[in-house]
C-alpha atoms as a PDB file:
ATOM      1  CA  ALA A   1     -28.981 -29.114-153.499  1.00  0.00           C
ATOM      2  CA  LEU A   2     -28.410 -25.402-154.310  1.00  0.00           C
ATOM      3  CA  LEU A   3     -28.704 -22.936-151.382  1.00  0.00           C
ATOM      4  CA  ASP A   4     -31.422 -20.298-151.837  1.00  0.00           C
ATOM      5  CA  GLY A   5     -30.654 -17.089-149.893  1.00  0.00           C
ATOM      6  CA  HIS A   6     -34.391 -16.235-149.661  1.00  0.00           C
ATOM      7  CA  ALA A   7     -35.116 -19.633-147.866  1.00  0.00           C
ATOM      8  CA  MET A   8     -32.427 -19.145-145.267  1.00  0.00           C
ATOM      9  CA  THR A   9     -34.485 -19.058-142.150  1.00  0.00           C
ATOM     10  CA  PRO A  10     -32.445 -19.035-138.808  1.00  0.00           C
ATOM     11  CA  ASP A  11     -33.138 -22.674-138.133  1.00  0.00           C
ATOM     12  CA  ALA A  12     -32.122 -23.602-141.872  1.00  0.00           C
ATOM     13  CA  MET A  13     -28.912 -21.768-141.627  1.00  0.00           C
ATOM     14  CA  LEU A  14     -27.872 -23.162-138.283  1.00  0.00           C
ATOM     15  CA  ALA A  15     -28.644 -26.701-139.476  1.00  0.00           C
ATOM     16  CA  PHE A  16     -26.444 -25.919-142.595  1.00  0.00           C
ATOM     17  CA  VAL A  17     -23.695 -24.401-140.149  1.00  0.00           C
ATOM     18  CA  ARG A  18     -23.801 -27.795-138.240  1.00  0.00           C
ATOM     19  CA  THR A  19     -23.355 -29.790-141.481  1.00  0.00           C
ATOM     20  CA  LEU A  20     -20.224 -27.824-141.864  1.00  0.00           C
ATOM     21  CA  GLY A  21     -18.973 -28.797-138.364  1.00  0.00           C
ATOM     22  CA  ALA A  22     -19.178 -25.336-136.834  1.00  0.00           C
ATOM     23  CA  GLY A  23     -22.109 -25.588-134.740  1.00  0.00           C
ATOM     24  CA  GLY A  24     -20.293 -24.590-131.732  1.00  0.00           C
ATOM     25  CA  THR A  25     -19.050 -21.037-132.852  1.00  0.00           C
ATOM     26  CA  ARG A  26     -20.642 -17.797-132.316  1.00  0.00           C
ATOM     27  CA  VAL A  27     -23.507 -17.036-134.870  1.00  0.00           C
ATOM     28  CA  LEU A  28     -24.304 -13.527-135.982  1.00  0.00           C
ATOM     29  CA  ILE A  29     -27.546 -12.975-137.947  1.00  0.00           C
ATOM     30  CA  VAL A  30     -27.559  -9.971-140.132  1.00  0.00           C
ATOM     31  CA  GLY A  31     -30.532  -8.931-142.061  1.00  0.00           C
ATOM     32  CA  CYS A  32     -31.500  -6.148-144.614  1.00  0.00           C
ATOM     33  CA  GLU A  33     -35.105  -4.750-144.949  1.00  0.00           C
ATOM     34  CA  PRO A  34     -35.819  -4.506-148.802  1.00  0.00           C
ATOM     35  CA  GLU A  35     -37.008  -1.280-150.169  1.00  0.00           C
ATOM     36  CA  ARG A  36     -39.357  -3.149-152.390  1.00  0.00           C
ATOM     37  CA  VAL A  37     -40.267  -6.929-153.186  1.00  0.00           C
ATOM     38  CA  ASP A  38     -41.102  -6.969-156.778  1.00  0.00           C
ATOM     39  CA  GLU A  39     -39.405  -9.379-158.920  1.00  0.00           C
ATOM     40  CA  GLY A  40     -35.928  -8.496-160.371  1.00  0.00           C
ATOM     41  CA  MET A  41     -32.202  -8.703-159.913  1.00  0.00           C
ATOM     42  CA  GLY A  42     -29.958  -6.593-158.167  1.00  0.00           C
ATOM     43  CA  LEU A  43     -30.209  -4.315-155.114  1.00  0.00           C
ATOM     44  CA  SER A  44     -32.288  -1.214-154.802  1.00  0.00           C
ATOM     45  CA  PRO A  45     -30.554   2.072-155.016  1.00  0.00           C
ATOM     46  CA  SER A  46     -31.162   2.718-151.268  1.00  0.00           C
ATOM     47  CA  VAL A  47     -29.670  -0.737-150.224  1.00  0.00           C
ATOM     48  CA  ALA A  48     -26.875  -0.578-152.652  1.00  0.00           C
ATOM     49  CA  SER A  49     -25.899   2.797-151.162  1.00  0.00           C
ATOM     50  CA  ALA A  50     -25.971   1.181-147.525  1.00  0.00           C
ATOM     51  CA  VAL A  51     -23.552  -1.542-148.434  1.00  0.00           C
ATOM     52  CA  ASP A  52     -20.307   0.182-147.629  1.00  0.00           C
ATOM     53  CA  GLU A  53     -21.632   1.364-144.166  1.00  0.00           C
ATOM     54  CA  ALA A  54     -23.066  -1.974-143.366  1.00  0.00           C
ATOM     55  CA  LEU A  55     -19.608  -3.562-144.173  1.00  0.00           C
ATOM     56  CA  ALA A  56     -17.915  -0.919-141.875  1.00  0.00           C
ATOM     57  CA  VAL A  57     -20.154  -2.088-139.115  1.00  0.00           C
ATOM     58  CA  LEU A  58     -20.092  -5.856-139.757  1.00  0.00           C
ATOM     59  CA  ARG A  59     -16.036  -6.299-140.277  1.00  0.00           C
ATOM     60  CA  PRO A  60     -15.306  -5.766-136.665  1.00  0.00           C
ATOM     61  CA  LEU A  61     -17.843  -8.216-135.461  1.00  0.00           C
ATOM     62  CA  VAL A  62     -16.674 -10.936-137.953  1.00  0.00           C
ATOM     63  CA  CYS A  63     -12.913 -10.276-137.869  1.00  0.00           C
ATOM     64  CA  VAL A  64     -12.151 -11.093-134.359  1.00  0.00           C
END
């Protein structure tokens, strides 16, 4: 089955991580509030402009 990023609730994601054998590791949940929820592909301009800053905050957390 294909993974659907919009259906990745915390419990679904943790179950998926356990299937990979990584259930005992630290889990970080990161979210992004959408600017709009209409149908379409791609990021809104405000979310796209925040990606670099978000990566700068997240990299030290996941690269330990």
